[in-house]
Amino acid sequence: AMSGGPSNKLGIQAGDKIISIDDSVVAGIGVASENVIKKLRGKKGTSVKVNIKRQGEKSLLPFTIIRDVIPVTSIDASFMLDAHTGFIRVNKFAEQTPIEFKEALALLVNEGMQNLILDLRANPGGYLTGAVSIADELLPGTPLIVYTNGRSVGRNDYYAGKNGLFEQGKVVVLINEYSASASEILAGALQDNKR
C-alpha cells in the first residue's frame, strides 16, 4: 500500500497479502508480481476488488479500491514536534528522495531543530543512492556508509563526504518489521557510525 495512495487511504496496510483480484487468485508460487501489478492498474475512477490476508485475522478482508493517481513523493510528513525536535517520515527511497529530504531538513534546521526523529517504519526501500545521500546529510567526516560486492563487478564503497545539514544534533531512527532494503542500510549506517 503506497503511502497516500488509494489502497492506503482505504486502510490496506504494509504486510497485507493480496490473495485475489477481481475473483482471480494471485497468491501462490509461480505468480509473477508484474501480472499482479497489471491487474491492479487501470483507468482512474474505475474500481478493483481485492481480498487481503492480514496477520492475526482468520478470514480474508475484502476491499473495493477506486483507482486514482498514486503520489510519488517520498516524504510523508515533516514538522517540529516541539521547540527542539523535528520529525521526518520517509516512505520509500525514490530518485527525488534526497532532494525532498534535504528540503525538509533545511526547513526544520531553520526552525531550530536540535534533535531529529527519522521515521522509516514500513519503508520498503528503493534506490540505494537515496539512502547513501540521506546518511551523508547526517554523518560528519568521511566514514564508510555501505559497500556492495558482486561476483562480476567487484567491491564498491560508498563514503560520506559532503558537509551535511544535520551532522551534530541527536538522531533517533524508527523502524519496524516492514522496514527493508535501503531503510535497513540507512539505519545500519547511522548505528555503525555511532550516530
N, C-alpha and C. Protein backbone atom coordinates (compact mmCIF):
# COMPACT_ATOMS: atom_id res chain seq x y z
N ALA A 1 0.85 -1.19 0.00
CA ALA A 1 0.00 0.00 0.00
C ALA A 1 0.88 1.23 0.00
N MET A 2 0.94 1.92 -1.14
CA MET A 2 1.76 3.13 -1.23
C MET A 2 1.18 4.19 -0.33
N SER A 3 2.04 4.83 0.45
CA SER A 3 1.57 5.84 1.37
C SER A 3 0.86 6.96 0.62
N GLY A 4 -0.34 7.30 1.07
CA GLY A 4 -1.11 8.36 0.41
C GLY A 4 -1.86 7.91 -0.82
N GLY A 5 -1.67 6.65 -1.24
CA GLY A 5 -2.35 6.12 -2.42
C GLY A 5 -3.75 5.64 -2.06
N PRO A 6 -4.54 5.25 -3.07
CA PRO A 6 -5.93 4.85 -2.82
C PRO A 6 -6.09 3.65 -1.89
N SER A 7 -5.20 2.66 -1.98
CA SER A 7 -5.32 1.49 -1.11
C SER A 7 -4.95 1.84 0.33
N ASN A 8 -3.94 2.69 0.50
CA ASN A 8 -3.52 3.12 1.83
C ASN A 8 -4.64 3.91 2.53
N LYS A 9 -5.33 4.75 1.76
CA LYS A 9 -6.43 5.55 2.33
C LYS A 9 -7.59 4.66 2.78
N LEU A 10 -7.76 3.51 2.12
CA LEU A 10 -8.84 2.57 2.49
C LEU A 10 -8.53 1.80 3.77
N GLY A 11 -7.25 1.76 4.14
CA GLY A 11 -6.87 1.01 5.34
C GLY A 11 -6.07 -0.24 5.05
N ILE A 12 -5.67 -0.44 3.79
CA ILE A 12 -4.78 -1.56 3.46
C ILE A 12 -3.39 -1.19 3.98
N GLN A 13 -2.77 -2.14 4.67
CA GLN A 13 -1.53 -1.85 5.39
C GLN A 13 -0.33 -2.57 4.79
N ALA A 14 0.86 -2.07 5.13
CA ALA A 14 2.09 -2.77 4.77
C ALA A 14 2.05 -4.13 5.44
N GLY A 15 2.42 -5.18 4.72
CA GLY A 15 2.38 -6.53 5.26
C GLY A 15 1.14 -7.31 4.88
N ASP A 16 0.08 -6.59 4.44
CA ASP A 16 -1.11 -7.28 3.94
C ASP A 16 -0.75 -8.04 2.66
N LYS A 17 -1.32 -9.23 2.49
CA LYS A 17 -1.03 -10.02 1.29
C LYS A 17 -2.27 -10.07 0.41
N ILE A 18 -2.10 -9.73 -0.86
CA ILE A 18 -3.22 -9.79 -1.81
C ILE A 18 -3.39 -11.25 -2.23
N ILE A 19 -4.58 -11.80 -1.96
CA ILE A 19 -4.86 -13.19 -2.30
C ILE A 19 -5.59 -13.27 -3.64
N SER A 20 -6.57 -12.37 -3.85
CA SER A 20 -7.28 -12.39 -5.14
C SER A 20 -7.59 -10.97 -5.59
N ILE A 21 -7.65 -10.82 -6.91
CA ILE A 21 -8.00 -9.55 -7.54
C ILE A 21 -9.16 -9.83 -8.49
N ASP A 22 -10.29 -9.13 -8.26
CA ASP A 22 -11.49 -9.36 -9.08
C ASP A 22 -11.79 -10.86 -9.25
N ASP A 23 -11.78 -11.57 -8.12
CA ASP A 23 -12.10 -13.00 -8.05
C ASP A 23 -11.08 -13.94 -8.70
N SER A 24 -9.96 -13.42 -9.20
CA SER A 24 -8.95 -14.36 -9.70
C SER A 24 -7.79 -14.41 -8.70
N VAL A 25 -7.45 -15.64 -8.31
CA VAL A 25 -6.43 -15.86 -7.27
C VAL A 25 -5.05 -15.49 -7.81
N VAL A 26 -4.34 -14.66 -7.03
CA VAL A 26 -3.00 -14.24 -7.44
C VAL A 26 -1.94 -14.62 -6.40
N ALA A 27 -2.34 -15.39 -5.39
CA ALA A 27 -1.39 -15.83 -4.37
C ALA A 27 -0.83 -17.18 -4.76
N GLY A 28 0.38 -17.44 -4.35
CA GLY A 28 0.96 -18.76 -4.58
C GLY A 28 2.22 -18.71 -5.42
N ILE A 29 2.85 -19.86 -5.51
CA ILE A 29 4.13 -19.98 -6.23
C ILE A 29 3.87 -19.84 -7.73
N GLY A 30 4.75 -19.13 -8.40
CA GLY A 30 4.67 -19.02 -9.85
C GLY A 30 3.82 -17.85 -10.33
N VAL A 31 3.31 -17.04 -9.40
CA VAL A 31 2.55 -15.85 -9.81
C VAL A 31 3.52 -14.68 -9.90
N ALA A 32 3.69 -14.14 -11.09
CA ALA A 32 4.64 -13.04 -11.30
C ALA A 32 4.05 -11.74 -10.76
N SER A 33 4.87 -10.97 -10.04
CA SER A 33 4.38 -9.72 -9.46
C SER A 33 3.97 -8.71 -10.54
N GLU A 34 4.58 -8.82 -11.75
CA GLU A 34 4.18 -7.91 -12.84
C GLU A 34 2.72 -8.13 -13.22
N ASN A 35 2.28 -9.41 -13.18
CA ASN A 35 0.89 -9.73 -13.51
C ASN A 35 -0.06 -9.17 -12.46
N VAL A 36 0.36 -9.20 -11.20
CA VAL A 36 -0.45 -8.64 -10.11
C VAL A 36 -0.59 -7.14 -10.33
N ILE A 37 0.52 -6.47 -10.61
CA ILE A 37 0.51 -5.02 -10.83
C ILE A 37 -0.37 -4.66 -12.02
N LYS A 38 -0.28 -5.47 -13.11
CA LYS A 38 -1.11 -5.25 -14.30
C LYS A 38 -2.59 -5.29 -13.96
N LYS A 39 -2.97 -6.28 -13.13
CA LYS A 39 -4.38 -6.43 -12.74
C LYS A 39 -4.86 -5.27 -11.87
N LEU A 40 -3.96 -4.73 -11.05
CA LEU A 40 -4.33 -3.65 -10.15
C LEU A 40 -4.44 -2.31 -10.88
N ARG A 41 -3.63 -2.14 -11.91
CA ARG A 41 -3.63 -0.86 -12.63
C ARG A 41 -4.87 -0.74 -13.51
N GLY A 42 -5.24 0.49 -13.77
CA GLY A 42 -6.39 0.73 -14.65
C GLY A 42 -6.72 2.20 -14.67
N LYS A 43 -7.79 2.51 -15.38
CA LYS A 43 -8.19 3.90 -15.57
C LYS A 43 -8.64 4.52 -14.24
N LYS A 44 -8.23 5.75 -14.00
CA LYS A 44 -8.63 6.48 -12.80
C LYS A 44 -10.15 6.50 -12.68
N GLY A 45 -10.65 6.22 -11.47
CA GLY A 45 -12.09 6.24 -11.23
C GLY A 45 -12.75 4.87 -11.35
N THR A 46 -12.07 3.91 -11.99
CA THR A 46 -12.63 2.55 -12.07
C THR A 46 -12.30 1.81 -10.78
N SER A 47 -13.03 0.71 -10.52
CA SER A 47 -12.81 0.01 -9.26
C SER A 47 -12.20 -1.37 -9.48
N VAL A 48 -11.55 -1.85 -8.45
CA VAL A 48 -10.97 -3.19 -8.46
C VAL A 48 -11.22 -3.79 -7.08
N LYS A 49 -11.67 -5.07 -7.06
CA LYS A 49 -11.94 -5.75 -5.78
C LYS A 49 -10.75 -6.63 -5.43
N VAL A 50 -10.30 -6.52 -4.18
CA VAL A 50 -9.20 -7.37 -3.72
C VAL A 50 -9.60 -8.05 -2.41
N ASN A 51 -9.09 -9.26 -2.22
CA ASN A 51 -9.21 -9.94 -0.93
C ASN A 51 -7.82 -10.00 -0.32
N ILE A 52 -7.75 -9.57 0.93
CA ILE A 52 -6.47 -9.40 1.61
C ILE A 52 -6.35 -10.37 2.78
N LYS A 53 -5.18 -10.98 2.94
CA LYS A 53 -4.88 -11.79 4.12
C LYS A 53 -4.04 -10.91 5.04
N ARG A 54 -4.54 -10.71 6.26
CA ARG A 54 -3.82 -9.90 7.24
C ARG A 54 -3.46 -10.77 8.43
N GLN A 55 -2.22 -10.62 8.89
CA GLN A 55 -1.75 -11.39 10.04
C GLN A 55 -2.67 -11.16 11.24
N GLY A 56 -3.10 -12.25 11.89
CA GLY A 56 -3.96 -12.14 13.07
C GLY A 56 -5.44 -12.20 12.74
N GLU A 57 -5.80 -12.08 11.46
CA GLU A 57 -7.21 -12.16 11.05
C GLU A 57 -7.48 -13.56 10.48
N LYS A 58 -8.57 -14.19 10.95
CA LYS A 58 -8.87 -15.56 10.49
C LYS A 58 -9.35 -15.60 9.04
N SER A 59 -10.22 -14.64 8.68
CA SER A 59 -10.78 -14.67 7.32
C SER A 59 -10.17 -13.55 6.47
N LEU A 60 -10.34 -13.69 5.17
CA LEU A 60 -9.83 -12.68 4.23
C LEU A 60 -10.64 -11.39 4.38
N LEU A 61 -9.98 -10.26 4.15
CA LEU A 61 -10.64 -8.96 4.25
C LEU A 61 -10.92 -8.45 2.84
N PRO A 62 -12.19 -8.18 2.50
CA PRO A 62 -12.50 -7.67 1.16
C PRO A 62 -12.38 -6.14 1.10
N PHE A 63 -11.78 -5.63 0.03
CA PHE A 63 -11.69 -4.19 -0.21
C PHE A 63 -12.07 -3.90 -1.65
N THR A 64 -12.77 -2.80 -1.88
CA THR A 64 -13.00 -2.32 -3.23
C THR A 64 -12.23 -1.00 -3.37
N ILE A 65 -11.23 -1.01 -4.21
CA ILE A 65 -10.36 0.16 -4.39
C ILE A 65 -10.81 0.94 -5.62
N ILE A 66 -11.01 2.22 -5.46
CA ILE A 66 -11.27 3.10 -6.60
C ILE A 66 -9.91 3.61 -7.08
N ARG A 67 -9.57 3.25 -8.30
CA ARG A 67 -8.25 3.61 -8.82
C ARG A 67 -8.09 5.13 -8.88
N ASP A 68 -6.88 5.57 -8.55
CA ASP A 68 -6.58 7.00 -8.54
C ASP A 68 -5.09 7.18 -8.79
N VAL A 69 -4.68 8.41 -8.92
CA VAL A 69 -3.27 8.72 -9.11
C VAL A 69 -2.53 8.41 -7.81
N ILE A 70 -1.41 7.72 -7.92
CA ILE A 70 -0.60 7.40 -6.74
C ILE A 70 0.46 8.48 -6.59
N PRO A 71 0.52 9.13 -5.41
CA PRO A 71 1.51 10.20 -5.23
C PRO A 71 2.92 9.62 -5.26
N VAL A 72 3.85 10.38 -5.84
CA VAL A 72 5.22 9.86 -5.95
C VAL A 72 6.18 10.53 -4.98
N THR A 73 5.67 11.39 -4.11
CA THR A 73 6.57 11.99 -3.12
C THR A 73 6.96 10.93 -2.09
N SER A 74 8.15 11.07 -1.54
CA SER A 74 8.62 10.07 -0.60
C SER A 74 8.69 10.59 0.84
N ILE A 75 8.42 11.87 1.04
CA ILE A 75 8.36 12.42 2.40
C ILE A 75 6.89 12.59 2.76
N ASP A 76 6.41 11.79 3.70
CA ASP A 76 5.01 11.85 4.13
C ASP A 76 4.75 13.01 5.06
N ALA A 77 5.70 13.26 5.94
CA ALA A 77 5.49 14.28 6.98
C ALA A 77 6.83 14.88 7.36
N SER A 78 6.79 16.17 7.69
CA SER A 78 7.98 16.88 8.13
C SER A 78 7.51 18.07 8.97
N PHE A 79 7.78 18.02 10.28
CA PHE A 79 7.32 19.10 11.15
C PHE A 79 8.09 19.08 12.47
N MET A 80 7.96 20.15 13.23
CA MET A 80 8.57 20.24 14.55
C MET A 80 7.60 19.65 15.57
N LEU A 81 8.08 18.71 16.39
CA LEU A 81 7.26 18.12 17.46
C LEU A 81 7.21 19.04 18.67
N ASP A 82 8.32 19.73 18.93
CA ASP A 82 8.38 20.74 19.98
C ASP A 82 9.44 21.75 19.56
N ALA A 83 9.87 22.59 20.46
CA ALA A 83 10.80 23.69 20.11
C ALA A 83 12.14 23.19 19.56
N HIS A 84 12.54 21.95 19.93
CA HIS A 84 13.87 21.47 19.54
C HIS A 84 13.88 20.20 18.71
N THR A 85 12.73 19.52 18.60
CA THR A 85 12.71 18.18 17.99
C THR A 85 11.92 18.17 16.69
N GLY A 86 12.59 17.78 15.60
CA GLY A 86 11.94 17.66 14.30
C GLY A 86 11.61 16.21 13.99
N PHE A 87 10.65 16.02 13.09
CA PHE A 87 10.19 14.69 12.71
C PHE A 87 10.09 14.64 11.18
N ILE A 88 10.73 13.64 10.57
CA ILE A 88 10.60 13.43 9.11
C ILE A 88 10.26 11.97 8.87
N ARG A 89 9.19 11.74 8.10
CA ARG A 89 8.82 10.37 7.73
C ARG A 89 9.13 10.16 6.25
N VAL A 90 9.97 9.16 5.96
CA VAL A 90 10.34 8.80 4.59
C VAL A 90 9.67 7.47 4.27
N ASN A 91 8.78 7.45 3.25
CA ASN A 91 8.01 6.22 2.97
C ASN A 91 8.67 5.31 1.94
N LYS A 92 9.64 5.81 1.18
CA LYS A 92 10.37 4.99 0.20
C LYS A 92 11.61 5.76 -0.23
N PHE A 93 12.51 5.09 -0.94
CA PHE A 93 13.70 5.74 -1.48
C PHE A 93 13.59 5.77 -3.00
N ALA A 94 13.15 6.92 -3.52
CA ALA A 94 12.98 7.10 -4.96
C ALA A 94 14.07 8.07 -5.46
N GLU A 95 14.03 8.35 -6.74
CA GLU A 95 15.05 9.21 -7.36
C GLU A 95 15.09 10.60 -6.71
N GLN A 96 13.92 11.14 -6.37
CA GLN A 96 13.84 12.50 -5.82
C GLN A 96 13.97 12.57 -4.30
N THR A 97 14.05 11.41 -3.63
CA THR A 97 14.06 11.40 -2.16
C THR A 97 15.17 12.27 -1.56
N PRO A 98 16.43 12.19 -2.05
CA PRO A 98 17.47 13.03 -1.44
C PRO A 98 17.15 14.53 -1.50
N ILE A 99 16.56 14.97 -2.62
CA ILE A 99 16.21 16.39 -2.76
C ILE A 99 15.09 16.74 -1.79
N GLU A 100 14.04 15.90 -1.75
CA GLU A 100 12.91 16.14 -0.84
C GLU A 100 13.38 16.14 0.61
N PHE A 101 14.28 15.19 0.96
CA PHE A 101 14.77 15.09 2.34
C PHE A 101 15.58 16.33 2.71
N LYS A 102 16.43 16.77 1.80
CA LYS A 102 17.28 17.94 2.08
C LYS A 102 16.42 19.19 2.29
N GLU A 103 15.37 19.32 1.48
CA GLU A 103 14.46 20.47 1.62
C GLU A 103 13.77 20.44 2.98
N ALA A 104 13.26 19.26 3.36
CA ALA A 104 12.57 19.11 4.65
C ALA A 104 13.53 19.38 5.81
N LEU A 105 14.75 18.85 5.69
CA LEU A 105 15.77 19.02 6.73
C LEU A 105 16.13 20.48 6.90
N ALA A 106 16.33 21.18 5.78
CA ALA A 106 16.70 22.61 5.81
C ALA A 106 15.63 23.43 6.52
N LEU A 107 14.36 23.15 6.23
CA LEU A 107 13.26 23.89 6.88
C LEU A 107 13.26 23.67 8.39
N LEU A 108 13.48 22.42 8.81
CA LEU A 108 13.47 22.11 10.23
C LEU A 108 14.68 22.71 10.95
N VAL A 109 15.84 22.67 10.30
CA VAL A 109 17.04 23.28 10.88
C VAL A 109 16.81 24.79 11.07
N ASN A 110 16.17 25.41 10.08
CA ASN A 110 15.84 26.84 10.18
C ASN A 110 14.88 27.14 11.32
N GLU A 111 14.06 26.14 11.68
CA GLU A 111 13.12 26.32 12.78
C GLU A 111 13.74 26.00 14.14
N GLY A 112 15.04 25.69 14.15
CA GLY A 112 15.74 25.48 15.41
C GLY A 112 15.87 24.03 15.84
N MET A 113 15.75 23.10 14.90
CA MET A 113 15.84 21.68 15.25
C MET A 113 17.22 21.34 15.82
N GLN A 114 17.20 20.66 16.98
CA GLN A 114 18.43 20.15 17.59
C GLN A 114 18.42 18.62 17.69
N ASN A 115 17.23 18.04 17.58
CA ASN A 115 17.06 16.59 17.60
C ASN A 115 16.17 16.20 16.43
N LEU A 116 16.48 15.06 15.80
CA LEU A 116 15.69 14.59 14.66
C LEU A 116 15.16 13.19 14.92
N ILE A 117 13.86 13.00 14.70
CA ILE A 117 13.28 11.66 14.67
C ILE A 117 13.04 11.34 13.20
N LEU A 118 13.73 10.32 12.70
CA LEU A 118 13.63 9.89 11.31
C LEU A 118 12.80 8.61 11.27
N ASP A 119 11.62 8.69 10.69
CA ASP A 119 10.67 7.56 10.70
C ASP A 119 10.79 6.77 9.40
N LEU A 120 11.29 5.55 9.50
CA LEU A 120 11.43 4.66 8.35
C LEU A 120 10.54 3.43 8.50
N ARG A 121 9.52 3.51 9.38
CA ARG A 121 8.64 2.36 9.58
C ARG A 121 7.88 2.06 8.29
N ALA A 122 7.83 0.78 7.94
CA ALA A 122 7.14 0.28 6.74
C ALA A 122 7.70 0.86 5.44
N ASN A 123 8.93 1.37 5.49
CA ASN A 123 9.59 1.86 4.28
C ASN A 123 10.25 0.66 3.60
N PRO A 124 9.78 0.27 2.39
CA PRO A 124 10.28 -0.95 1.76
C PRO A 124 11.63 -0.79 1.06
N GLY A 125 12.18 0.43 1.04
CA GLY A 125 13.47 0.66 0.41
C GLY A 125 13.34 1.32 -0.94
N GLY A 126 14.21 0.96 -1.86
CA GLY A 126 14.24 1.60 -3.18
C GLY A 126 15.67 1.88 -3.58
N TYR A 127 15.93 3.08 -4.05
CA TYR A 127 17.25 3.46 -4.55
C TYR A 127 18.29 3.45 -3.43
N LEU A 128 19.35 2.68 -3.60
CA LEU A 128 20.46 2.65 -2.64
C LEU A 128 21.07 4.04 -2.50
N THR A 129 21.23 4.74 -3.62
CA THR A 129 21.88 6.06 -3.59
C THR A 129 21.08 7.06 -2.74
N GLY A 130 19.76 6.86 -2.65
CA GLY A 130 18.94 7.71 -1.80
C GLY A 130 19.29 7.54 -0.33
N ALA A 131 19.47 6.30 0.09
CA ALA A 131 19.85 6.02 1.47
C ALA A 131 21.24 6.58 1.77
N VAL A 132 22.16 6.42 0.83
CA VAL A 132 23.53 6.93 0.99
C VAL A 132 23.51 8.45 1.14
N SER A 133 22.73 9.12 0.29
CA SER A 133 22.66 10.58 0.30
C SER A 133 22.09 11.10 1.63
N ILE A 134 21.06 10.43 2.15
CA ILE A 134 20.47 10.85 3.42
C ILE A 134 21.46 10.61 4.56
N ALA A 135 22.14 9.47 4.54
CA ALA A 135 23.16 9.20 5.57
C ALA A 135 24.23 10.29 5.55
N ASP A 136 24.61 10.73 4.36
CA ASP A 136 25.65 11.76 4.21
C ASP A 136 25.21 13.11 4.80
N GLU A 137 23.91 13.38 4.80
CA GLU A 137 23.40 14.61 5.42
C GLU A 137 23.54 14.57 6.94
N LEU A 138 23.63 13.35 7.50
CA LEU A 138 23.59 13.18 8.95
C LEU A 138 24.93 12.76 9.56
N LEU A 139 25.88 12.31 8.71
CA LEU A 139 27.15 11.80 9.21
C LEU A 139 28.29 12.79 9.02
N PRO A 140 29.00 13.15 10.09
CA PRO A 140 30.16 14.03 9.93
C PRO A 140 31.37 13.25 9.39
N GLY A 141 32.30 13.97 8.79
CA GLY A 141 33.52 13.34 8.29
C GLY A 141 33.27 12.53 7.04
N THR A 142 34.11 11.51 6.84
CA THR A 142 34.03 10.71 5.61
C THR A 142 33.97 9.21 5.92
N PRO A 143 33.08 8.78 6.83
CA PRO A 143 33.03 7.35 7.15
C PRO A 143 32.40 6.53 6.02
N LEU A 144 32.69 5.22 6.04
CA LEU A 144 32.05 4.29 5.11
C LEU A 144 30.58 4.17 5.47
N ILE A 145 29.70 4.37 4.49
CA ILE A 145 28.26 4.22 4.72
C ILE A 145 27.84 2.78 4.44
N VAL A 146 28.21 2.28 3.27
CA VAL A 146 27.87 0.92 2.88
C VAL A 146 28.79 0.52 1.73
N TYR A 147 28.93 -0.77 1.52
CA TYR A 147 29.61 -1.22 0.30
C TYR A 147 28.81 -2.34 -0.34
N THR A 148 28.94 -2.42 -1.65
CA THR A 148 28.32 -3.53 -2.39
C THR A 148 29.44 -4.39 -2.93
N ASN A 149 29.15 -5.67 -3.12
CA ASN A 149 30.17 -6.58 -3.62
C ASN A 149 29.49 -7.63 -4.49
N GLY A 150 29.88 -7.68 -5.75
CA GLY A 150 29.29 -8.65 -6.66
C GLY A 150 30.36 -9.44 -7.37
N ARG A 151 30.00 -10.64 -7.78
CA ARG A 151 30.99 -11.51 -8.46
C ARG A 151 31.57 -10.85 -9.70
N SER A 152 30.69 -10.24 -10.50
CA SER A 152 31.18 -9.70 -11.78
C SER A 152 31.64 -8.24 -11.69
N VAL A 153 31.16 -7.50 -10.66
CA VAL A 153 31.51 -6.07 -10.60
C VAL A 153 32.49 -5.72 -9.49
N GLY A 154 32.75 -6.63 -8.59
CA GLY A 154 33.68 -6.35 -7.50
C GLY A 154 33.08 -5.46 -6.43
N ARG A 155 33.95 -4.94 -5.59
CA ARG A 155 33.50 -4.15 -4.44
C ARG A 155 33.37 -2.68 -4.81
N ASN A 156 32.29 -2.06 -4.30
CA ASN A 156 32.08 -0.63 -4.50
C ASN A 156 31.76 0.00 -3.15
N ASP A 157 32.60 0.93 -2.70
CA ASP A 157 32.43 1.57 -1.40
C ASP A 157 31.70 2.90 -1.55
N TYR A 158 30.80 3.18 -0.62
CA TYR A 158 30.08 4.46 -0.57
C TYR A 158 30.44 5.16 0.73
N TYR A 159 31.10 6.32 0.62
CA TYR A 159 31.53 7.08 1.79
C TYR A 159 30.72 8.37 1.91
N ALA A 160 30.61 8.86 3.15
CA ALA A 160 30.10 10.21 3.36
C ALA A 160 31.21 11.16 2.91
N GLY A 161 30.85 12.39 2.57
CA GLY A 161 31.89 13.30 2.12
C GLY A 161 31.48 14.75 2.16
N LYS A 162 30.21 15.01 1.84
CA LYS A 162 29.79 16.42 1.79
C LYS A 162 29.48 16.92 3.20
N ASN A 163 29.45 18.25 3.34
CA ASN A 163 29.02 18.84 4.60
C ASN A 163 27.51 18.70 4.68
N GLY A 164 27.04 17.84 5.58
CA GLY A 164 25.61 17.60 5.71
C GLY A 164 24.93 18.71 6.49
N LEU A 165 23.62 18.77 6.35
CA LEU A 165 22.84 19.81 7.02
C LEU A 165 22.62 19.54 8.51
N PHE A 166 22.76 18.27 8.93
CA PHE A 166 22.47 17.95 10.33
C PHE A 166 23.45 16.88 10.82
N GLU A 167 24.70 17.31 11.02
CA GLU A 167 25.75 16.36 11.41
C GLU A 167 25.98 16.31 12.92
N GLN A 168 25.37 17.21 13.68
CA GLN A 168 25.68 17.30 15.11
C GLN A 168 24.56 16.90 16.06
N GLY A 169 23.32 17.32 15.80
CA GLY A 169 22.23 17.06 16.76
C GLY A 169 21.93 15.58 16.92
N LYS A 170 21.09 15.27 17.90
CA LYS A 170 20.72 13.87 18.15
C LYS A 170 19.79 13.35 17.05
N VAL A 171 19.95 12.06 16.71
CA VAL A 171 19.10 11.42 15.70
C VAL A 171 18.53 10.12 16.29
N VAL A 172 17.22 9.94 16.15
CA VAL A 172 16.56 8.69 16.50
C VAL A 172 15.92 8.16 15.23
N VAL A 173 16.14 6.87 14.92
CA VAL A 173 15.54 6.26 13.73
C VAL A 173 14.48 5.25 14.18
N LEU A 174 13.28 5.39 13.63
CA LEU A 174 12.20 4.45 13.91
C LEU A 174 12.11 3.45 12.76
N ILE A 175 12.17 2.15 13.10
CA ILE A 175 11.98 1.11 12.09
C ILE A 175 11.03 0.06 12.67
N ASN A 176 10.48 -0.79 11.80
CA ASN A 176 9.69 -1.93 12.26
C ASN A 176 9.97 -3.11 11.33
N GLU A 177 9.18 -4.19 11.46
CA GLU A 177 9.46 -5.39 10.68
C GLU A 177 9.24 -5.20 9.18
N TYR A 178 8.61 -4.09 8.78
CA TYR A 178 8.38 -3.82 7.36
C TYR A 178 9.38 -2.81 6.78
N SER A 179 10.35 -2.39 7.58
CA SER A 179 11.42 -1.52 7.08
C SER A 179 12.44 -2.44 6.42
N ALA A 180 12.72 -2.22 5.13
CA ALA A 180 13.58 -3.17 4.43
C ALA A 180 14.58 -2.46 3.53
N SER A 181 15.55 -3.24 3.03
CA SER A 181 16.44 -2.81 1.97
C SER A 181 17.17 -1.51 2.32
N ALA A 182 16.93 -0.45 1.55
CA ALA A 182 17.63 0.83 1.77
C ALA A 182 17.36 1.40 3.15
N SER A 183 16.18 1.12 3.73
CA SER A 183 15.87 1.57 5.10
C SER A 183 16.83 0.95 6.10
N GLU A 184 17.07 -0.36 5.93
CA GLU A 184 17.98 -1.06 6.82
C GLU A 184 19.41 -0.56 6.65
N ILE A 185 19.78 -0.25 5.41
CA ILE A 185 21.12 0.26 5.13
C ILE A 185 21.32 1.61 5.82
N LEU A 186 20.34 2.50 5.70
CA LEU A 186 20.44 3.82 6.33
C LEU A 186 20.50 3.69 7.85
N ALA A 187 19.58 2.92 8.43
CA ALA A 187 19.56 2.74 9.89
C ALA A 187 20.88 2.11 10.36
N GLY A 188 21.36 1.11 9.62
CA GLY A 188 22.60 0.43 9.98
C GLY A 188 23.82 1.33 9.89
N ALA A 189 23.86 2.16 8.84
CA ALA A 189 25.00 3.08 8.65
C ALA A 189 25.06 4.09 9.79
N LEU A 190 23.91 4.60 10.21
CA LEU A 190 23.89 5.57 11.31
C LEU A 190 24.31 4.89 12.62
N GLN A 191 23.82 3.66 12.83
CA GLN A 191 24.17 2.93 14.04
C GLN A 191 25.66 2.55 14.04
N ASP A 192 26.16 2.03 12.92
CA ASP A 192 27.56 1.62 12.83
C ASP A 192 28.53 2.78 13.08
N ASN A 193 28.09 3.97 12.67
CA ASN A 193 28.94 5.17 12.84
C ASN A 193 28.60 5.95 14.11
N LYS A 194 27.96 5.26 15.06
CA LYS A 194 27.65 5.82 16.40
C LYS A 194 26.86 7.10 16.31
N ARG A 195 25.99 7.19 15.32
CA ARG A 195 25.23 8.43 15.11
C ARG A 195 23.86 8.32 15.76
